[in-house]
Amino acid sequence: MIEVISGLPDQVIGIEAKGKVTRSDYESVIIPLVEKKLRSYKKINFLYYIGDKFSGMEADAMWEDAKVGFSNLRAWNKIAVVSNVDWIRKAVKLFEFVIPGHVKVFANDQLSEALIWVSE
């Protein structure tokens, strides 16, 4: 499940993954949010918080994640991924070189720091 993090600057999308993330989460929450922001901004910032309530991600959701990222390559200004999940941290670092914006990985206890960075 994906929940939107409120109270962020208008050009920032913040989401929190809880439980199992599905393809439907991308189709009903993330993709519409990205499309809406891109109607108002050429570049957007994105915070993806994958905290302790996260239990996994369906393969279809991983594919949707890649599609969102790669179909909007020039739209990303800053991407902050907050997680203690080792494979997610490694995957982000592996692919950050193909994303034109700035990408940073934060540990869960650095959520406040990530929120500040992505909001600047």
N, C-alpha and C. Protein backbone atom coordinates (compact mmCIF):
# COMPACT_ATOMS: atom_id res chain seq x y z
N MET A 1 0.84 -1.18 0.00
CA MET A 1 0.00 0.00 0.00
C MET A 1 0.89 1.24 0.00
N ILE A 2 0.45 2.26 -0.69
CA ILE A 2 1.16 3.53 -0.76
C ILE A 2 0.29 4.61 -0.12
N GLU A 3 0.91 5.40 0.75
CA GLU A 3 0.24 6.56 1.34
C GLU A 3 1.01 7.81 0.95
N VAL A 4 0.28 8.87 0.64
CA VAL A 4 0.88 10.14 0.28
C VAL A 4 1.29 10.87 1.56
N ILE A 5 2.49 11.43 1.55
CA ILE A 5 2.97 12.23 2.67
C ILE A 5 2.56 13.67 2.40
N SER A 6 1.79 14.24 3.30
CA SER A 6 1.28 15.60 3.10
C SER A 6 2.21 16.62 3.73
N GLY A 7 1.95 17.89 3.42
CA GLY A 7 2.69 18.99 4.04
C GLY A 7 4.02 19.31 3.38
N LEU A 8 4.25 18.78 2.18
CA LEU A 8 5.49 19.06 1.47
C LEU A 8 5.29 20.20 0.48
N PRO A 9 6.37 20.85 0.06
CA PRO A 9 6.24 21.89 -0.96
C PRO A 9 5.54 21.34 -2.20
N ASP A 10 4.92 22.22 -2.97
CA ASP A 10 4.08 21.80 -4.08
C ASP A 10 4.81 21.01 -5.15
N GLN A 11 6.08 21.25 -5.37
CA GLN A 11 6.81 20.54 -6.42
C GLN A 11 7.38 19.20 -5.94
N VAL A 12 7.03 18.80 -4.72
CA VAL A 12 7.54 17.57 -4.13
C VAL A 12 6.42 16.55 -3.97
N ILE A 13 6.69 15.34 -4.41
CA ILE A 13 5.81 14.21 -4.15
C ILE A 13 6.46 13.38 -3.06
N GLY A 14 5.72 13.10 -2.02
CA GLY A 14 6.21 12.24 -0.95
C GLY A 14 5.27 11.08 -0.76
N ILE A 15 5.83 9.87 -0.75
CA ILE A 15 5.00 8.68 -0.53
C ILE A 15 5.67 7.78 0.49
N GLU A 16 4.83 7.00 1.18
CA GLU A 16 5.32 6.01 2.13
C GLU A 16 4.76 4.65 1.75
N ALA A 17 5.66 3.67 1.66
CA ALA A 17 5.26 2.29 1.38
C ALA A 17 4.96 1.59 2.69
N LYS A 18 3.77 0.98 2.75
CA LYS A 18 3.37 0.22 3.93
C LYS A 18 2.82 -1.12 3.45
N GLY A 19 3.14 -2.17 4.19
CA GLY A 19 2.66 -3.48 3.77
C GLY A 19 3.28 -3.86 2.44
N LYS A 20 2.50 -4.53 1.60
CA LYS A 20 2.97 -4.97 0.29
C LYS A 20 2.59 -3.93 -0.76
N VAL A 21 3.56 -3.49 -1.54
CA VAL A 21 3.32 -2.53 -2.61
C VAL A 21 2.97 -3.30 -3.88
N THR A 22 1.89 -2.85 -4.53
CA THR A 22 1.38 -3.55 -5.71
C THR A 22 1.39 -2.65 -6.94
N ARG A 23 1.16 -3.29 -8.07
CA ARG A 23 1.03 -2.55 -9.32
C ARG A 23 -0.12 -1.54 -9.23
N SER A 24 -1.18 -1.95 -8.58
CA SER A 24 -2.35 -1.08 -8.40
C SER A 24 -1.98 0.20 -7.65
N ASP A 25 -1.05 0.11 -6.70
CA ASP A 25 -0.60 1.30 -5.97
C ASP A 25 0.02 2.31 -6.94
N TYR A 26 0.77 1.82 -7.88
CA TYR A 26 1.38 2.71 -8.87
C TYR A 26 0.32 3.31 -9.79
N GLU A 27 -0.58 2.45 -10.25
CA GLU A 27 -1.62 2.91 -11.18
C GLU A 27 -2.61 3.88 -10.55
N SER A 28 -2.93 3.68 -9.28
CA SER A 28 -3.97 4.52 -8.65
C SER A 28 -3.41 5.69 -7.86
N VAL A 29 -2.14 5.63 -7.44
CA VAL A 29 -1.60 6.70 -6.60
C VAL A 29 -0.40 7.40 -7.25
N ILE A 30 0.66 6.66 -7.50
CA ILE A 30 1.91 7.28 -7.91
C ILE A 30 1.84 7.89 -9.31
N ILE A 31 1.39 7.13 -10.28
CA ILE A 31 1.36 7.65 -11.66
C ILE A 31 0.47 8.89 -11.77
N PRO A 32 -0.75 8.87 -11.21
CA PRO A 32 -1.56 10.11 -11.27
C PRO A 32 -0.89 11.30 -10.57
N LEU A 33 -0.20 11.06 -9.46
CA LEU A 33 0.50 12.16 -8.77
C LEU A 33 1.60 12.75 -9.65
N VAL A 34 2.39 11.88 -10.25
CA VAL A 34 3.47 12.34 -11.12
C VAL A 34 2.90 13.12 -12.31
N GLU A 35 1.89 12.58 -12.94
CA GLU A 35 1.27 13.25 -14.09
C GLU A 35 0.72 14.62 -13.70
N LYS A 36 0.07 14.69 -12.55
CA LYS A 36 -0.49 15.98 -12.08
C LYS A 36 0.61 17.00 -11.84
N LYS A 37 1.67 16.61 -11.16
CA LYS A 37 2.77 17.54 -10.87
C LYS A 37 3.44 18.02 -12.16
N LEU A 38 3.58 17.10 -13.13
CA LEU A 38 4.26 17.48 -14.37
C LEU A 38 3.43 18.41 -15.24
N ARG A 39 2.16 18.53 -14.96
CA ARG A 39 1.35 19.54 -15.66
C ARG A 39 1.67 20.94 -15.16
N SER A 40 2.21 21.05 -13.95
CA SER A 40 2.53 22.35 -13.35
C SER A 40 4.02 22.65 -13.28
N TYR A 41 4.85 21.62 -13.27
CA TYR A 41 6.30 21.79 -13.09
C TYR A 41 7.07 20.97 -14.13
N LYS A 42 8.15 21.55 -14.63
CA LYS A 42 9.02 20.80 -15.55
C LYS A 42 9.87 19.79 -14.79
N LYS A 43 10.26 20.14 -13.58
CA LYS A 43 11.08 19.29 -12.73
C LYS A 43 10.38 19.12 -11.39
N ILE A 44 10.39 17.89 -10.89
CA ILE A 44 9.78 17.62 -9.59
C ILE A 44 10.76 16.86 -8.70
N ASN A 45 10.51 16.94 -7.42
CA ASN A 45 11.28 16.19 -6.44
C ASN A 45 10.40 15.07 -5.89
N PHE A 46 11.04 13.97 -5.50
CA PHE A 46 10.29 12.78 -5.10
C PHE A 46 10.94 12.18 -3.86
N LEU A 47 10.12 11.91 -2.86
CA LEU A 47 10.59 11.24 -1.65
C LEU A 47 9.84 9.92 -1.54
N TYR A 48 10.59 8.84 -1.46
CA TYR A 48 10.01 7.51 -1.33
C TYR A 48 10.49 6.93 0.00
N TYR A 49 9.58 6.86 0.97
CA TYR A 49 9.90 6.37 2.31
C TYR A 49 9.44 4.91 2.42
N ILE A 50 10.40 4.04 2.59
CA ILE A 50 10.13 2.61 2.72
C ILE A 50 10.56 2.22 4.13
N GLY A 51 9.67 2.44 5.06
CA GLY A 51 9.99 2.27 6.47
C GLY A 51 9.73 0.88 7.00
N ASP A 52 9.61 0.79 8.31
CA ASP A 52 9.46 -0.49 9.00
C ASP A 52 8.14 -1.19 8.72
N LYS A 53 7.14 -0.46 8.22
CA LYS A 53 5.84 -1.06 7.94
C LYS A 53 5.79 -1.71 6.55
N PHE A 54 6.87 -1.60 5.78
CA PHE A 54 6.98 -2.19 4.44
C PHE A 54 7.24 -3.68 4.57
N SER A 55 6.47 -4.49 3.81
CA SER A 55 6.68 -5.93 3.88
C SER A 55 7.09 -6.55 2.55
N GLY A 56 7.10 -5.76 1.49
CA GLY A 56 7.54 -6.30 0.21
C GLY A 56 6.91 -5.59 -0.97
N MET A 57 7.34 -6.03 -2.15
CA MET A 57 6.89 -5.39 -3.38
C MET A 57 6.65 -6.48 -4.41
N GLU A 58 5.49 -6.44 -5.04
CA GLU A 58 5.20 -7.39 -6.11
C GLU A 58 6.09 -7.10 -7.31
N ALA A 59 6.39 -8.14 -8.09
CA ALA A 59 7.22 -7.97 -9.28
C ALA A 59 6.61 -6.94 -10.24
N ASP A 60 5.30 -6.96 -10.40
CA ASP A 60 4.62 -5.99 -11.27
C ASP A 60 4.83 -4.57 -10.76
N ALA A 61 4.89 -4.39 -9.46
CA ALA A 61 5.11 -3.06 -8.88
C ALA A 61 6.53 -2.58 -9.19
N MET A 62 7.50 -3.48 -9.16
CA MET A 62 8.88 -3.10 -9.50
C MET A 62 8.95 -2.65 -10.95
N TRP A 63 8.23 -3.34 -11.82
CA TRP A 63 8.20 -2.96 -13.24
C TRP A 63 7.56 -1.58 -13.40
N GLU A 64 6.46 -1.34 -12.70
CA GLU A 64 5.80 -0.02 -12.76
C GLU A 64 6.73 1.07 -12.24
N ASP A 65 7.48 0.78 -11.18
CA ASP A 65 8.43 1.73 -10.63
C ASP A 65 9.47 2.11 -11.68
N ALA A 66 10.01 1.12 -12.36
CA ALA A 66 11.00 1.38 -13.41
C ALA A 66 10.39 2.19 -14.54
N LYS A 67 9.17 1.85 -14.94
CA LYS A 67 8.51 2.59 -16.03
C LYS A 67 8.28 4.05 -15.66
N VAL A 68 7.83 4.30 -14.44
CA VAL A 68 7.61 5.69 -14.00
C VAL A 68 8.92 6.45 -14.05
N GLY A 69 9.97 5.85 -13.54
CA GLY A 69 11.27 6.52 -13.51
C GLY A 69 11.82 6.80 -14.89
N PHE A 70 11.83 5.79 -15.74
CA PHE A 70 12.44 5.94 -17.05
C PHE A 70 11.58 6.70 -18.05
N SER A 71 10.27 6.68 -17.90
CA SER A 71 9.42 7.41 -18.83
C SER A 71 9.41 8.91 -18.54
N ASN A 72 9.92 9.29 -17.38
CA ASN A 72 9.96 10.70 -17.00
C ASN A 72 11.38 11.13 -16.63
N LEU A 73 12.36 10.60 -17.32
CA LEU A 73 13.76 10.83 -16.95
C LEU A 73 14.12 12.29 -16.73
N ARG A 74 13.68 13.15 -17.59
CA ARG A 74 14.06 14.56 -17.51
C ARG A 74 13.24 15.34 -16.48
N ALA A 75 12.26 14.70 -15.89
CA ALA A 75 11.38 15.39 -14.93
C ALA A 75 11.93 15.41 -13.51
N TRP A 76 12.87 14.54 -13.22
CA TRP A 76 13.33 14.40 -11.85
C TRP A 76 14.42 15.40 -11.53
N ASN A 77 14.19 16.21 -10.51
CA ASN A 77 15.19 17.12 -9.99
C ASN A 77 15.95 16.44 -8.85
N LYS A 78 15.21 16.00 -7.84
CA LYS A 78 15.79 15.28 -6.71
C LYS A 78 14.92 14.08 -6.38
N ILE A 79 15.58 12.98 -6.06
CA ILE A 79 14.89 11.78 -5.60
C ILE A 79 15.57 11.34 -4.31
N ALA A 80 14.78 11.26 -3.24
CA ALA A 80 15.28 10.78 -1.96
C ALA A 80 14.59 9.45 -1.67
N VAL A 81 15.38 8.42 -1.46
CA VAL A 81 14.85 7.12 -1.08
C VAL A 81 15.29 6.87 0.36
N VAL A 82 14.31 6.65 1.22
CA VAL A 82 14.57 6.43 2.65
C VAL A 82 14.20 4.99 2.97
N SER A 83 15.21 4.20 3.31
CA SER A 83 14.95 2.80 3.59
C SER A 83 16.14 2.14 4.28
N ASN A 84 15.84 1.15 5.07
CA ASN A 84 16.86 0.29 5.65
C ASN A 84 16.91 -1.06 4.94
N VAL A 85 16.06 -1.23 3.92
CA VAL A 85 16.02 -2.49 3.18
C VAL A 85 17.23 -2.54 2.25
N ASP A 86 18.10 -3.48 2.51
CA ASP A 86 19.39 -3.54 1.82
C ASP A 86 19.26 -3.63 0.30
N TRP A 87 18.37 -4.49 -0.23
CA TRP A 87 18.29 -4.66 -1.67
C TRP A 87 17.75 -3.40 -2.34
N ILE A 88 16.91 -2.65 -1.67
CA ILE A 88 16.40 -1.40 -2.23
C ILE A 88 17.51 -0.35 -2.28
N ARG A 89 18.25 -0.24 -1.21
CA ARG A 89 19.36 0.72 -1.15
C ARG A 89 20.38 0.42 -2.26
N LYS A 90 20.70 -0.86 -2.44
CA LYS A 90 21.66 -1.26 -3.48
C LYS A 90 21.12 -1.00 -4.88
N ALA A 91 19.84 -1.30 -5.10
CA ALA A 91 19.24 -1.10 -6.42
C ALA A 91 19.23 0.38 -6.79
N VAL A 92 18.90 1.25 -5.84
CA VAL A 92 18.88 2.69 -6.12
C VAL A 92 20.29 3.16 -6.48
N LYS A 93 21.27 2.73 -5.73
CA LYS A 93 22.64 3.14 -6.00
C LYS A 93 23.13 2.60 -7.34
N LEU A 94 22.66 1.41 -7.71
CA LEU A 94 23.05 0.81 -8.98
C LEU A 94 22.52 1.61 -10.17
N PHE A 95 21.30 2.12 -10.07
CA PHE A 95 20.66 2.79 -11.20
C PHE A 95 20.72 4.31 -11.13
N GLU A 96 21.28 4.89 -10.08
CA GLU A 96 21.26 6.35 -9.95
C GLU A 96 22.02 7.05 -11.07
N PHE A 97 22.98 6.39 -11.69
CA PHE A 97 23.76 7.03 -12.75
C PHE A 97 22.95 7.30 -14.01
N VAL A 98 21.83 6.61 -14.21
CA VAL A 98 21.02 6.83 -15.41
C VAL A 98 19.94 7.89 -15.20
N ILE A 99 19.79 8.36 -13.98
CA ILE A 99 18.77 9.37 -13.69
C ILE A 99 19.44 10.74 -13.70
N PRO A 100 18.96 11.65 -14.56
CA PRO A 100 19.62 12.96 -14.68
C PRO A 100 19.57 13.82 -13.43
N GLY A 101 18.62 13.62 -12.56
CA GLY A 101 18.51 14.42 -11.34
C GLY A 101 19.46 13.93 -10.27
N HIS A 102 19.31 14.51 -9.11
CA HIS A 102 20.12 14.13 -7.95
C HIS A 102 19.39 13.05 -7.17
N VAL A 103 20.09 11.98 -6.85
CA VAL A 103 19.51 10.87 -6.12
C VAL A 103 20.31 10.66 -4.85
N LYS A 104 19.60 10.53 -3.72
CA LYS A 104 20.26 10.25 -2.45
C LYS A 104 19.49 9.17 -1.72
N VAL A 105 20.24 8.30 -1.08
CA VAL A 105 19.65 7.24 -0.27
C VAL A 105 19.89 7.58 1.19
N PHE A 106 18.84 7.48 1.98
CA PHE A 106 18.90 7.78 3.41
C PHE A 106 18.43 6.55 4.19
N ALA A 107 18.94 6.41 5.39
CA ALA A 107 18.44 5.37 6.31
C ALA A 107 17.15 5.86 6.94
N ASN A 108 16.36 4.94 7.48
CA ASN A 108 15.07 5.31 8.08
C ASN A 108 15.22 6.37 9.17
N ASP A 109 16.30 6.31 9.94
CA ASP A 109 16.47 7.30 11.00
C ASP A 109 16.90 8.67 10.47
N GLN A 110 17.04 8.79 9.16
CA GLN A 110 17.39 10.05 8.52
C GLN A 110 16.21 10.65 7.74
N LEU A 111 15.00 10.21 8.05
CA LEU A 111 13.82 10.70 7.33
C LEU A 111 13.72 12.22 7.39
N SER A 112 13.93 12.83 8.55
CA SER A 112 13.85 14.29 8.66
C SER A 112 14.86 14.97 7.75
N GLU A 113 16.05 14.44 7.71
CA GLU A 113 17.10 14.97 6.84
C GLU A 113 16.70 14.84 5.36
N ALA A 114 16.13 13.71 5.00
CA ALA A 114 15.68 13.49 3.62
C ALA A 114 14.57 14.46 3.25
N LEU A 115 13.64 14.69 4.17
CA LEU A 115 12.53 15.63 3.91
C LEU A 115 13.07 17.04 3.67
N ILE A 116 14.05 17.45 4.43
CA ILE A 116 14.66 18.77 4.24
C ILE A 116 15.36 18.83 2.90
N TRP A 117 16.15 17.82 2.58
CA TRP A 117 16.93 17.81 1.33
C TRP A 117 16.01 17.85 0.11
N VAL A 118 14.98 17.02 0.10
CA VAL A 118 14.11 16.95 -1.06
C VAL A 118 13.22 18.19 -1.18
N SER A 119 13.06 18.92 -0.11
CA SER A 119 12.20 20.13 -0.11
C SER A 119 12.96 21.40 -0.51
N GLU A 120 14.27 21.31 -0.57
CA GLU A 120 15.08 22.51 -0.91
C GLU A 120 15.00 22.83 -2.38
